[in-house]
PDB file of N, CA and C in Angstrom:
ATOM      1  N   GLU A   1      15.170  77.581  -4.596  1.00  0.00           N
ATOM      2  CA  GLU A   1      16.089  77.151  -6.024  1.00  0.00           C
ATOM      3  C   GLU A   1      15.452  76.419  -6.505  1.00  0.00           C
ATOM      4  N   ARG A   2      13.888  75.891  -6.640  1.00  0.00           N
ATOM      5  CA  ARG A   2      13.689  74.279  -7.803  1.00  0.00           C
ATOM      6  C   ARG A   2      13.116  75.496  -8.910  1.00  0.00           C
ATOM      7  N   MET A   3      12.967  76.595  -8.467  1.00  0.00           N
ATOM      8  CA  MET A   3      11.824  77.931  -9.557  1.00  0.00           C
ATOM      9  C   MET A   3      12.870  78.432 -10.232  1.00  0.00           C
ATOM     10  N   ARG A   4      12.858  78.354 -11.364  1.00  0.00           N
ATOM     11  CA  ARG A   4      13.634  78.808 -12.763  1.00  0.00           C
ATOM     12  C   ARG A   4      12.891  78.906 -13.903  1.00  0.00           C
ATOM     13  N   HIS A   5      13.405  79.792 -14.732  1.00  0.00           N
ATOM     14  CA  HIS A   5      12.594  80.049 -16.036  1.00  0.00           C
ATOM     15  C   HIS A   5      12.464  78.915 -16.957  1.00  0.00           C
ATOM     16  N   VAL A   6      11.804  78.751 -17.730  1.00  0.00           N
ATOM     17  CA  VAL A   6      11.308  77.386 -18.579  1.00  0.00           C
ATOM     18  C   VAL A   6      11.669  77.895 -19.737  1.00  0.00           C
ATOM     19  N   PRO A   7      12.693  77.604 -20.293  1.00  0.00           N
ATOM     20  CA  PRO A   7      12.927  77.896 -21.770  1.00  0.00           C
ATOM     21  C   PRO A   7      12.183  77.070 -22.918  1.00  0.00           C
ATOM     22  N   LEU A   8      11.763  77.755 -24.100  1.00  0.00           N
ATOM     23  CA  LEU A   8      11.260  77.296 -24.920  1.00  0.00           C
ATOM     24  C   LEU A   8      12.311  75.863 -25.551  1.00  0.00           C
ATOM     25  N   PHE A   9      11.369  75.239 -25.783  1.00  0.00           N
ATOM     26  CA  PHE A   9      11.737  73.717 -26.489  1.00  0.00           C
ATOM     27  C   PHE A   9      10.713  73.140 -27.431  1.00  0.00           C
ATOM     28  N   PRO A  10      10.939  72.257 -28.289  1.00  0.00           N
ATOM     29  CA  PRO A  10      10.605  71.799 -29.021  1.00  0.00           C
ATOM     30  C   PRO A  10       9.328  70.577 -28.212  1.00  0.00           C
ATOM     31  N   ALA A  11       8.250  71.068 -28.720  1.00  0.00           N
ATOM     32  CA  ALA A  11       6.957  69.968 -28.318  1.00  0.00           C
ATOM     33  C   ALA A  11       7.025  68.403 -28.492  1.00  0.00           C
ATOM     34  N   SER A  12       7.800  68.438 -29.580  1.00  0.00           N
ATOM     35  CA  SER A  12       8.152  67.245 -30.257  1.00  0.00           C
ATOM     36  C   SER A  12       9.405  66.307 -30.074  1.00  0.00           C
ATOM     37  N   PHE A  13       9.907  66.877 -28.928  1.00  0.00           N
ATOM     38  CA  PHE A  13      11.036  65.990 -28.763  1.00  0.00           C
ATOM     39  C   PHE A  13      11.228  64.464 -28.470  1.00  0.00           C
ATOM     40  N   ASN A  14      12.344  63.848 -29.378  1.00  0.00           N
ATOM     41  CA  ASN A  14      12.238  62.568 -29.166  1.00  0.00           C
ATOM     42  C   ASN A  14      12.561  61.581 -27.692  1.00  0.00           C
ATOM     43  N   VAL A  15      11.679  60.918 -27.156  1.00  0.00           N
ATOM     44  CA  VAL A  15      12.013  60.597 -25.858  1.00  0.00           C
ATOM     45  C   VAL A  15      12.151  59.134 -26.159  1.00  0.00           C
ATOM     46  N   SER A  16      13.210  58.609 -25.462  1.00  0.00           N
ATOM     47  CA  SER A  16      13.737  56.877 -25.568  1.00  0.00           C
ATOM     48  C   SER A  16      14.397  56.395 -24.150  1.00  0.00           C
ATOM     49  N   ALA A  17      14.327  55.361 -23.829  1.00  0.00           N
ATOM     50  CA  ALA A  17      15.201  54.747 -22.673  1.00  0.00           C
ATOM     51  C   ALA A  17      16.249  55.301 -22.470  1.00  0.00           C
ATOM     52  N   GLY A  18      16.718  55.798 -21.249  1.00  0.00           N
ATOM     53  CA  GLY A  18      18.003  56.324 -21.192  1.00  0.00           C
ATOM     54  C   GLY A  18      18.317  57.568 -21.222  1.00  0.00           C
ATOM     55  N   LEU A  19      17.377  58.716 -21.500  1.00  0.00           N
ATOM     56  CA  LEU A  19      17.446  59.928 -22.170  1.00  0.00           C
ATOM     57  C   LEU A  19      17.193  60.552 -20.745  1.00  0.00           C
ATOM     58  N   ARG A  20      18.012  61.511 -20.136  1.00  0.00           N
ATOM     59  CA  ARG A  20      17.855  62.122 -19.282  1.00  0.00           C
ATOM     60  C   ARG A  20      16.839  63.302 -19.475  1.00  0.00           C
ATOM     61  N   VAL A  21      16.307  63.591 -18.508  1.00  0.00           N
ATOM     62  CA  VAL A  21      15.007  64.630 -18.558  1.00  0.00           C
ATOM     63  C   VAL A  21      14.461  64.981 -17.100  1.00  0.00           C
ATOM     64  N   GLU A  22      13.703  66.171 -17.155  1.00  0.00           N
ATOM     65  CA  GLU A  22      12.962  66.379 -16.011  1.00  0.00           C
ATOM     66  C   GLU A  22      11.718  66.136 -16.098  1.00  0.00           C
ATOM     67  N   GLY A  23      10.931  65.667 -14.836  1.00  0.00           N
ATOM     68  CA  GLY A  23       9.663  65.210 -14.624  1.00  0.00           C
ATOM     69  C   GLY A  23       8.985  66.277 -13.591  1.00  0.00           C
ATOM     70  N   TYR A  24       7.665  66.187 -13.643  1.00  0.00           N
ATOM     71  CA  TYR A  24       7.023  67.353 -13.184  1.00  0.00           C
ATOM     72  C   TYR A  24       6.128  66.886 -12.104  1.00  0.00           C
ATOM     73  N   LEU A  25       6.611  66.771 -11.052  1.00  0.00           N
ATOM     74  CA  LEU A  25       6.054  66.038  -9.793  1.00  0.00           C
ATOM     75  C   LEU A  25       6.175  67.129  -8.536  1.00  0.00           C
ATOM     76  N   ASN A  26       4.513  66.901  -8.079  1.00  0.00           N
ATOM     77  CA  ASN A  26       4.596  67.917  -6.650  1.00  0.00           C
ATOM     78  C   ASN A  26       5.278  69.299  -6.846  1.00  0.00           C
ATOM     79  N   ASP A  27       4.616  69.745  -7.478  1.00  0.00           N
ATOM     80  CA  ASP A  27       4.837  70.833  -8.066  1.00  0.00           C
ATOM     81  C   ASP A  27       6.357  71.690  -8.497  1.00  0.00           C
ATOM     82  N   CYS A  28       7.065  70.689  -9.029  1.00  0.00           N
ATOM     83  CA  CYS A  28       8.487  71.109  -9.267  1.00  0.00           C
ATOM     84  C   CYS A  28       9.211  70.255 -10.192  1.00  0.00           C
ATOM     85  N   TRP A  29      10.038  70.207 -11.078  1.00  0.00           N
ATOM     86  CA  TRP A  29      10.852  69.921 -11.654  1.00  0.00           C
ATOM     87  C   TRP A  29      12.142  69.214 -11.478  1.00  0.00           C
ATOM     88  N   TRP A  30      11.734  67.698 -11.510  1.00  0.00           N
ATOM     89  CA  TRP A  30      12.839  66.723 -10.670  1.00  0.00           C
ATOM     90  C   TRP A  30      13.702  66.308 -12.094  1.00  0.00           C
ATOM     91  N   PRO A  31      15.009  66.031 -11.851  1.00  0.00           N
ATOM     92  CA  PRO A  31      16.007  65.441 -12.924  1.00  0.00           C
ATOM     93  C   PRO A  31      15.785  63.903 -12.647  1.00  0.00           C
ATOM     94  N   GLY A  32      15.892  63.241 -13.690  1.00  0.00           N
ATOM     95  CA  GLY A  32      15.829  61.859 -13.538  1.00  0.00           C
ATOM     96  C   GLY A  32      16.122  61.584 -15.311  1.00  0.00           C
ATOM     97  N   GLU A  33      15.688  59.978 -15.412  1.00  0.00           N
ATOM     98  CA  GLU A  33      15.792  59.445 -16.454  1.00  0.00           C
ATOM     99  C   GLU A  33      14.960  58.280 -16.935  1.00  0.00           C
ATOM    100  N   VAL A  34      14.338  58.377 -18.519  1.00  0.00           N
ATOM    101  CA  VAL A  34      13.135  57.584 -18.619  1.00  0.00           C
ATOM    102  C   VAL A  34      13.871  56.430 -18.652  1.00  0.00           C
ATOM    103  N   VAL A  35      13.168  55.459 -18.109  1.00  0.00           N
ATOM    104  CA  VAL A  35      12.890  53.853 -17.815  1.00  0.00           C
ATOM    105  C   VAL A  35      12.428  53.703 -18.988  1.00  0.00           C
ATOM    106  N   GLU A  36      11.025  53.379 -18.937  1.00  0.00           N
ATOM    107  CA  GLU A  36      10.090  53.037 -20.075  1.00  0.00           C
ATOM    108  C   GLU A  36       8.961  53.750 -20.381  1.00  0.00           C
ATOM    109  N   GLN A  37       7.950  53.413 -21.825  1.00  0.00           N
ATOM    110  CA  GLN A  37       7.463  54.075 -22.264  1.00  0.00           C
ATOM    111  C   GLN A  37       6.247  53.139 -22.541  1.00  0.00           C
ATOM    112  N   HIS A  38       4.807  53.495 -22.105  1.00  0.00           N
ATOM    113  CA  HIS A  38       3.514  52.911 -22.378  1.00  0.00           C
ATOM    114  C   HIS A  38       2.695  53.708 -22.899  1.00  0.00           C
ATOM    115  N   PRO A  39       2.111  53.094 -24.245  1.00  0.00           N
ATOM    116  CA  PRO A  39       1.085  54.002 -24.529  1.00  0.00           C
ATOM    117  C   PRO A  39       0.219  54.491 -23.833  1.00  0.00           C
ATOM    118  N   LYS A  40      -0.337  53.990 -22.818  1.00  0.00           N
ATOM    119  CA  LYS A  40      -1.338  54.135 -21.988  1.00  0.00           C
ATOM    120  C   LYS A  40      -1.076  55.169 -20.728  1.00  0.00           C
ATOM    121  N   LYS A  41      -0.159  54.221 -19.937  1.00  0.00           N
ATOM    122  CA  LYS A  41       0.520  54.787 -18.878  1.00  0.00           C
ATOM    123  C   LYS A  41       1.294  56.099 -18.960  1.00  0.00           C
ATOM    124  N   GLY A  42       2.037  56.283 -20.289  1.00  0.00           N
ATOM    125  CA  GLY A  42       2.857  57.295 -20.375  1.00  0.00           C
ATOM    126  C   GLY A  42       4.631  56.837 -20.233  1.00  0.00           C
ATOM    127  N   LEU A  43       5.247  57.704 -19.799  1.00  0.00           N
ATOM    128  CA  LEU A  43       6.535  57.621 -19.369  1.00  0.00           C
ATOM    129  C   LEU A  43       6.779  57.226 -17.833  1.00  0.00           C
ATOM    130  N   ARG A  44       7.822  56.093 -18.009  1.00  0.00           N
ATOM    131  CA  ARG A  44       8.102  55.781 -16.314  1.00  0.00           C
ATOM    132  C   ARG A  44       9.735  56.356 -15.940  1.00  0.00           C
ATOM    133  N   LEU A  45       9.528  57.122 -15.021  1.00  0.00           N
ATOM    134  CA  LEU A  45      10.837  58.105 -14.943  1.00  0.00           C
ATOM    135  C   LEU A  45      11.748  57.561 -13.669  1.00  0.00           C
ATOM    136  N   SER A  46      12.554  57.510 -13.785  1.00  0.00           N
ATOM    137  CA  SER A  46      13.754  57.117 -12.377  1.00  0.00           C
ATOM    138  C   SER A  46      14.407  58.649 -11.937  1.00  0.00           C
ATOM    139  N   PHE A  47      13.667  58.808 -11.028  1.00  0.00           N
ATOM    140  CA  PHE A  47      14.304  60.106 -10.472  1.00  0.00           C
ATOM    141  C   PHE A  47      15.666  60.075 -10.083  1.00  0.00           C
ATOM    142  N   ASP A  48      16.774  61.358 -10.040  1.00  0.00           N
ATOM    143  CA  ASP A  48      17.976  60.979  -9.164  1.00  0.00           C
ATOM    144  C   ASP A  48      18.174  60.645  -7.909  1.00  0.00           C
ATOM    145  N   ASP A  49      16.836  61.095  -7.081  1.00  0.00           N
ATOM    146  CA  ASP A  49      16.648  60.346  -5.819  1.00  0.00           C
ATOM    147  C   ASP A  49      16.571  58.924  -5.408  1.00  0.00           C
ATOM    148  N   GLY A  50      16.403  58.396  -6.400  1.00  0.00           N
ATOM    149  CA  GLY A  50      15.964  56.944  -6.383  1.00  0.00           C
ATOM    150  C   GLY A  50      14.464  56.536  -6.262  1.00  0.00           C
ATOM    151  N   ASP A  51      13.562  57.397  -6.712  1.00  0.00           N
ATOM    152  CA  ASP A  51      12.079  57.147  -6.373  1.00  0.00           C
ATOM    153  C   ASP A  51      11.847  56.935  -7.837  1.00  0.00           C
ATOM    154  N   SER A  52      11.064  56.651  -8.730  1.00  0.00           N
ATOM    155  CA  SER A  52      10.288  56.361  -9.770  1.00  0.00           C
ATOM    156  C   SER A  52       8.596  56.768 -10.000  1.00  0.00           C
ATOM    157  N   ALA A  53       8.319  57.129 -11.085  1.00  0.00           N
ATOM    158  CA  ALA A  53       6.821  57.239 -11.175  1.00  0.00           C
ATOM    159  C   ALA A  53       6.590  57.329 -12.605  1.00  0.00           C
ATOM    160  N   TRP A  54       5.206  57.170 -12.998  1.00  0.00           N
ATOM    161  CA  TRP A  54       4.698  57.340 -14.204  1.00  0.00           C
ATOM    162  C   TRP A  54       4.255  58.704 -14.775  1.00  0.00           C
ATOM    163  N   LEU A  55       4.597  59.280 -15.417  1.00  0.00           N
ATOM    164  CA  LEU A  55       4.245  60.589 -15.636  1.00  0.00           C
ATOM    165  C   LEU A  55       3.430  60.918 -17.218  1.00  0.00           C
ATOM    166  N   GLY A  56       2.542  61.482 -17.260  1.00  0.00           N
ATOM    167  CA  GLY A  56       2.183  62.012 -18.652  1.00  0.00           C
ATOM    168  C   GLY A  56       2.914  62.494 -19.634  1.00  0.00           C
ATOM    169  N   ARG A  57       3.075  62.326 -20.768  1.00  0.00           N
ATOM    170  CA  ARG A  57       3.844  62.937 -21.719  1.00  0.00           C
ATOM    171  C   ARG A  57       4.181  64.965 -21.626  1.00  0.00           C
ATOM    172  N   ARG A  58       3.062  65.206 -21.197  1.00  0.00           N
ATOM    173  CA  ARG A  58       3.027  66.731 -20.887  1.00  0.00           C
ATOM    174  C   ARG A  58       3.986  67.048 -19.955  1.00  0.00           C
ATOM    175  N   ASN A  59       4.151  65.803 -18.859  1.00  0.00           N
ATOM    176  CA  ASN A  59       5.001  66.521 -17.284  1.00  0.00           C
ATOM    177  C   ASN A  59       6.521  66.235 -17.617  1.00  0.00           C
ATOM    178  N   VAL A  60       6.784  65.944 -18.818  1.00  0.00           N
ATOM    179  CA  VAL A  60       8.239  65.451 -18.940  1.00  0.00           C
ATOM    180  C   VAL A  60       8.760  66.351 -20.124  1.00  0.00           C
ATOM    181  N   ARG A  61      10.287  67.071 -19.914  1.00  0.00           N
ATOM    182  CA  ARG A  61      10.587  67.954 -20.694  1.00  0.00           C
ATOM    183  C   ARG A  61      12.125  67.668 -20.938  1.00  0.00           C
ATOM    184  N   PRO A  62      12.840  68.162 -21.587  1.00  0.00           N
ATOM    185  CA  PRO A  62      14.103  67.890 -22.040  1.00  0.00           C
ATOM    186  C   PRO A  62      15.118  68.112 -20.924  1.00  0.00           C
ATOM    187  N   MET A  63      16.173  67.730 -20.618  1.00  0.00           N
ATOM    188  CA  MET A  63      16.632  68.178 -19.169  1.00  0.00           C
ATOM    189  C   MET A  63      17.362  69.547 -19.638  1.00  0.00           C
ATOM    190  N   LEU A  64      17.242  70.405 -18.434  1.00  0.00           N
ATOM    191  CA  LEU A  64      17.788  71.683 -18.726  1.00  0.00           C
ATOM    192  C   LEU A  64      19.708  71.878 -18.831  1.00  0.00           C
ATOM    193  N   ARG A  65      20.061  72.454 -19.604  1.00  0.00           N
ATOM    194  CA  ARG A  65      21.573  72.846 -19.475  1.00  0.00           C
ATOM    195  C   ARG A  65      21.781  73.956 -18.963  1.00  0.00           C
ATOM    196  N   CYS A  66      22.825  74.521 -18.356  1.00  0.00           N
ATOM    197  CA  CYS A  66      23.549  75.880 -18.273  1.00  0.00           C
ATOM    198  C   CYS A  66      23.863  76.270 -19.199  1.00  0.00           C
ATOM    199  N   ALA A  67      23.923  77.424 -19.500  1.00  0.00           N
ATOM    200  CA  ALA A  67      24.488  78.570 -20.881  1.00  0.00           C
ATOM    201  C   ALA A  67      25.771  78.482 -20.658  1.00  0.00           C
ATOM    202  N   PRO A  68      26.393  78.486 -21.603  1.00  0.00           N
ATOM    203  CA  PRO A  68      28.273  79.426 -21.309  1.00  0.00           C
ATOM    204  C   PRO A  68      28.272  80.409 -20.866  1.00  0.00           C
ATOM    205  N   LYS A  69      29.511  80.978 -20.273  1.00  0.00           N
ATOM    206  CA  LYS A  69      29.458  82.209 -20.047  1.00  0.00           C
ATOM    207  C   LYS A  69      30.601  82.641 -20.667  1.00  0.00           C
ATOM    208  N   ARG A  70      30.290  84.112 -21.114  1.00  0.00           N
ATOM    209  CA  ARG A  70      31.659  84.710 -21.474  1.00  0.00           C
ATOM    210  C   ARG A  70      32.814  85.554 -20.441  1.00  0.00           C
ATOM    211  N   LEU A  71      33.868  84.999 -20.174  1.00  0.00           N
ATOM    212  CA  LEU A  71      34.787  85.633 -19.281  1.00  0.00           C
ATOM    213  C   LEU A  71      34.690  86.707 -19.722  1.00  0.00           C
ATOM    214  N   HIS A  72      34.881  88.177 -18.970  1.00  0.00           N
ATOM    215  CA  HIS A  72      34.767  89.281 -18.972  1.00  0.00           C
ATOM    216  C   HIS A  72      35.764  89.851 -19.735  1.00  0.00           C
ATOM    217  N   GLY A  73      35.468  90.823 -20.858  1.00  0.00           N
ATOM    218  CA  GLY A  73      36.742  91.386 -21.406  1.00  0.00           C
ATOM    219  C   GLY A  73      37.468  89.932 -22.412  1.00  0.00           C
ATOM    220  N   THR A  74      37.049  89.462 -22.476  1.00  0.00           N
ATOM    221  CA  THR A  74      37.795  88.229 -23.226  1.00  0.00           C
ATOM    222  C   THR A  74      36.422  87.943 -24.662  1.00  0.00           C
ATOM    223  N   ASP A  75      36.724  87.042 -25.457  1.00  0.00           N
ATOM    224  CA  ASP A  75      36.242  85.841 -26.328  1.00  0.00           C
ATOM    225  C   ASP A  75      36.134  84.745 -25.945  1.00  0.00           C
ATOM    226  N   VAL A  76      36.436  84.216 -24.760  1.00  0.00           N
ATOM    227  CA  VAL A  76      36.786  82.773 -24.395  1.00  0.00           C
ATOM    228  C   VAL A  76      35.113  82.510 -23.650  1.00  0.00           C
ATOM    229  N   TRP A  77      34.553  81.471 -23.878  1.00  0.00           N
ATOM    230  CA  TRP A  77      33.215  81.056 -23.199  1.00  0.00           C
ATOM    231  C   TRP A  77      33.733  80.047 -22.372  1.00  0.00           C
ATOM    232  N   GLN A  78      33.099  79.897 -21.189  1.00  0.00           N
ATOM    233  CA  GLN A  78      33.225  78.959 -20.341  1.00  0.00           C
ATOM    234  C   GLN A  78      31.877  78.554 -19.711  1.00  0.00           C
ATOM    235  N   VAL A  79      32.103  77.124 -20.036  1.00  0.00           N
ATOM    236  CA  VAL A  79      30.844  76.037 -19.524  1.00  0.00           C
ATOM    237  C   VAL A  79      30.877  75.847 -17.873  1.00  0.00           C
ATOM    238  N   PRO A  80      29.964  76.276 -17.278  1.00  0.00           N
ATOM    239  CA  PRO A  80      29.550  75.802 -15.854  1.00  0.00           C
ATOM    240  C   PRO A  80      29.996  74.725 -15.734  1.00  0.00           C
ATOM    241  N   ALA A  81      30.541  74.515 -14.185  1.00  0.00           N
ATOM    242  CA  ALA A  81      30.988  73.020 -13.703  1.00  0.00           C
ATOM    243  C   ALA A  81      29.663  72.301 -13.502  1.00  0.00           C
ATOM    244  N   ALA A  82      28.521  72.929 -13.248  1.00  0.00           N
ATOM    245  CA  ALA A  82      27.532  71.899 -12.872  1.00  0.00           C
ATOM    246  C   ALA A  82      27.123  71.105 -14.652  1.00  0.00           C
ATOM    247  N   ALA A  83      27.502  71.608 -15.060  1.00  0.00           N
ATOM    248  CA  ALA A  83      27.123  71.501 -16.811  1.00  0.00           C
ATOM    249  C   ALA A  83      27.958  70.047 -16.906  1.00  0.00           C
ATOM    250  N   GLN A  84      28.956  69.842 -16.853  1.00  0.00           N
ATOM    251  CA  GLN A  84      30.152  69.134 -16.772  1.00  0.00           C
ATOM    252  C   GLN A  84      29.941  67.505 -16.075  1.00  0.00           C
ATOM    253  N   LEU A  85      29.453  68.058 -15.283  1.00  0.00           N
ATOM    254  CA  LEU A  85      29.121  66.591 -14.345  1.00  0.00           C
ATOM    255  C   LEU A  85      28.607  65.519 -14.810  1.00  0.00           C
ATOM    256  N   PRO A  86      29.023  63.999 -14.562  1.00  0.00           N
ATOM    257  CA  PRO A  86      27.961  63.167 -14.942  1.00  0.00           C
ATOM    258  C   PRO A  86      26.841  63.129 -14.307  1.00  0.00           C
ATOM    259  N   PRO A  87      25.787  62.722 -14.630  1.00  0.00           N
ATOM    260  CA  PRO A  87      24.434  62.150 -13.850  1.00  0.00           C
ATOM    261  C   PRO A  87      25.134  61.604 -12.777  1.00  0.00           C
ATOM    262  N   PRO A  88      24.130  61.779 -11.599  1.00  0.00           N
ATOM    263  CA  PRO A  88      24.609  61.079 -10.198  1.00  0.00           C
ATOM    264  C   PRO A  88      24.273  59.490 -10.618  1.00  0.00           C
ATOM    265  N   GLN A  89      25.014  58.459  -9.735  1.00  0.00           N
ATOM    266  CA  GLN A  89      24.755  57.149  -9.790  1.00  0.00           C
ATOM    267  C   GLN A  89      23.338  56.861  -8.631  1.00  0.00           C
ATOM    268  N   ARG A  90      22.706  55.854  -9.525  1.00  0.00           N
ATOM    269  CA  ARG A  90      21.356  55.281  -8.741  1.00  0.00           C
ATOM    270  C   ARG A  90      21.712  54.440  -7.816  1.00  0.00           C
ATOM    271  N   PRO A  91      21.095  54.165  -6.415  1.00  0.00           N
ATOM    272  CA  PRO A  91      21.446  53.251  -5.913  1.00  0.00           C
ATOM    273  C   PRO A  91      21.006  52.254  -6.737  1.00  0.00           C
ATOM    274  N   ALA A  92      22.011  50.889  -5.794  1.00  0.00           N
ATOM    275  CA  ALA A  92      21.874  49.559  -6.405  1.00  0.00           C
ATOM    276  C   ALA A  92      20.347  49.192  -6.239  1.00  0.00           C
ATOM    277  N   HIS A  93      19.969  49.538  -4.847  1.00  0.00           N
ATOM    278  CA  HIS A  93      18.134  48.930  -4.650  1.00  0.00           C
ATOM    279  C   HIS A  93      17.351  49.991  -3.973  1.00  0.00           C
ATOM    280  N   PRO A  94      16.277  50.215  -4.436  1.00  0.00           N
ATOM    281  CA  PRO A  94      15.470  51.393  -4.206  1.00  0.00           C
ATOM    282  C   PRO A  94      15.707  51.585  -2.588  1.00  0.00           C
ATOM    283  N   PRO A  95      15.404  52.627  -1.831  1.00  0.00           N
ATOM    284  CA  PRO A  95      15.309  52.791  -0.738  1.00  0.00           C
ATOM    285  C   PRO A  95      14.225  52.218  -0.002  1.00  0.00           C
ATOM    286  N   ILE A  96      14.372  51.411   1.252  1.00  0.00           N
ATOM    287  CA  ILE A  96      13.250  51.310   2.064  1.00  0.00           C
ATOM    288  C   ILE A  96      12.572  52.343   2.671  1.00  0.00           C
ATOM    289  N   ARG A  97      10.984  52.368   2.372  1.00  0.00           N
ATOM    290  CA  ARG A  97      10.512  53.055   3.559  1.00  0.00           C
ATOM    291  C   ARG A  97       9.595  52.461   4.513  1.00  0.00           C
ATOM    292  N   LEU A  98       9.708  52.949   5.557  1.00  0.00           N
ATOM    293  CA  LEU A  98       9.226  52.142   6.611  1.00  0.00           C
ATOM    294  C   LEU A  98       8.000  53.113   7.250  1.00  0.00           C
ATOM    295  N   PRO A  99       6.846  52.187   7.822  1.00  0.00           N
ATOM    296  CA  PRO A  99       5.617  53.070   8.302  1.00  0.00           C
ATOM    297  C   PRO A  99       6.027  54.244   8.775  1.00  0.00           C
ATOM    298  N   ARG A 100       5.330  55.150   9.276  1.00  0.00           N
ATOM    299  CA  ARG A 100       5.347  56.033  10.357  1.00  0.00           C
ATOM    300  C   ARG A 100       5.343  55.795  12.101  1.00  0.00           C
ATOM    301  N   GLY A 101       6.111  56.022  12.606  1.00  0.00           N
ATOM    302  CA  GLY A 101       6.706  56.094  13.919  1.00  0.00           C
ATOM    303  C   GLY A 101       7.143  54.437  14.041  1.00  0.00           C
ATOM    304  N   VAL A 102       7.566  53.810  12.963  1.00  0.00           N
ATOM    305  CA  VAL A 102       8.881  53.085  13.268  1.00  0.00           C
ATOM    306  C   VAL A 102      10.292  53.244  13.184  1.00  0.00           C
ATOM    307  N   PRO A 103      11.045  52.901  14.188  1.00  0.00           N
ATOM    308  CA  PRO A 103      12.468  53.715  13.919  1.00  0.00           C
ATOM    309  C   PRO A 103      13.283  52.899  13.004  1.00  0.00           C
ATOM    310  N   SER A 104      14.246  53.547  12.265  1.00  0.00           N
ATOM    311  CA  SER A 104      14.761  52.997  11.308  1.00  0.00           C
ATOM    312  C   SER A 104      16.094  51.624  11.920  1.00  0.00           C
ATOM    313  N   HIS A 105      16.364  51.634  13.047  1.00  0.00           N
ATOM    314  CA  HIS A 105      17.378  50.979  13.636  1.00  0.00           C
ATOM    315  C   HIS A 105      16.637  50.053  13.972  1.00  0.00           C
ATOM    316  N   GLU A 106      15.476  49.414  13.865  1.00  0.00           N
ATOM    317  CA  GLU A 106      14.850  48.398  14.342  1.00  0.00           C
ATOM    318  C   GLU A 106      14.925  47.095  13.322  1.00  0.00           C
TER     319      GLU A 106
END
């Protein structure tokens, strides 16, 4: 499900805090938001699942959008429902990660 065609986009798109992007991490492109820029560390992204990571500029691309589709036999274009949704809300606190073998109910 995570594999998709990578469209051409300008290599010099402007990155700024708050911009919705995709970051390449663990062999997949993940949706997120730029939180911070650093000249040596690169870009700090906050991913939609609550994780964050510093990524080099080459591992960040603009958020892909679904292309509108033409309704069969008409000149009406329909925007896919997924493209109309706002970005998901991030949790107020980062998730707590327990060591292996420690039950979460203790």
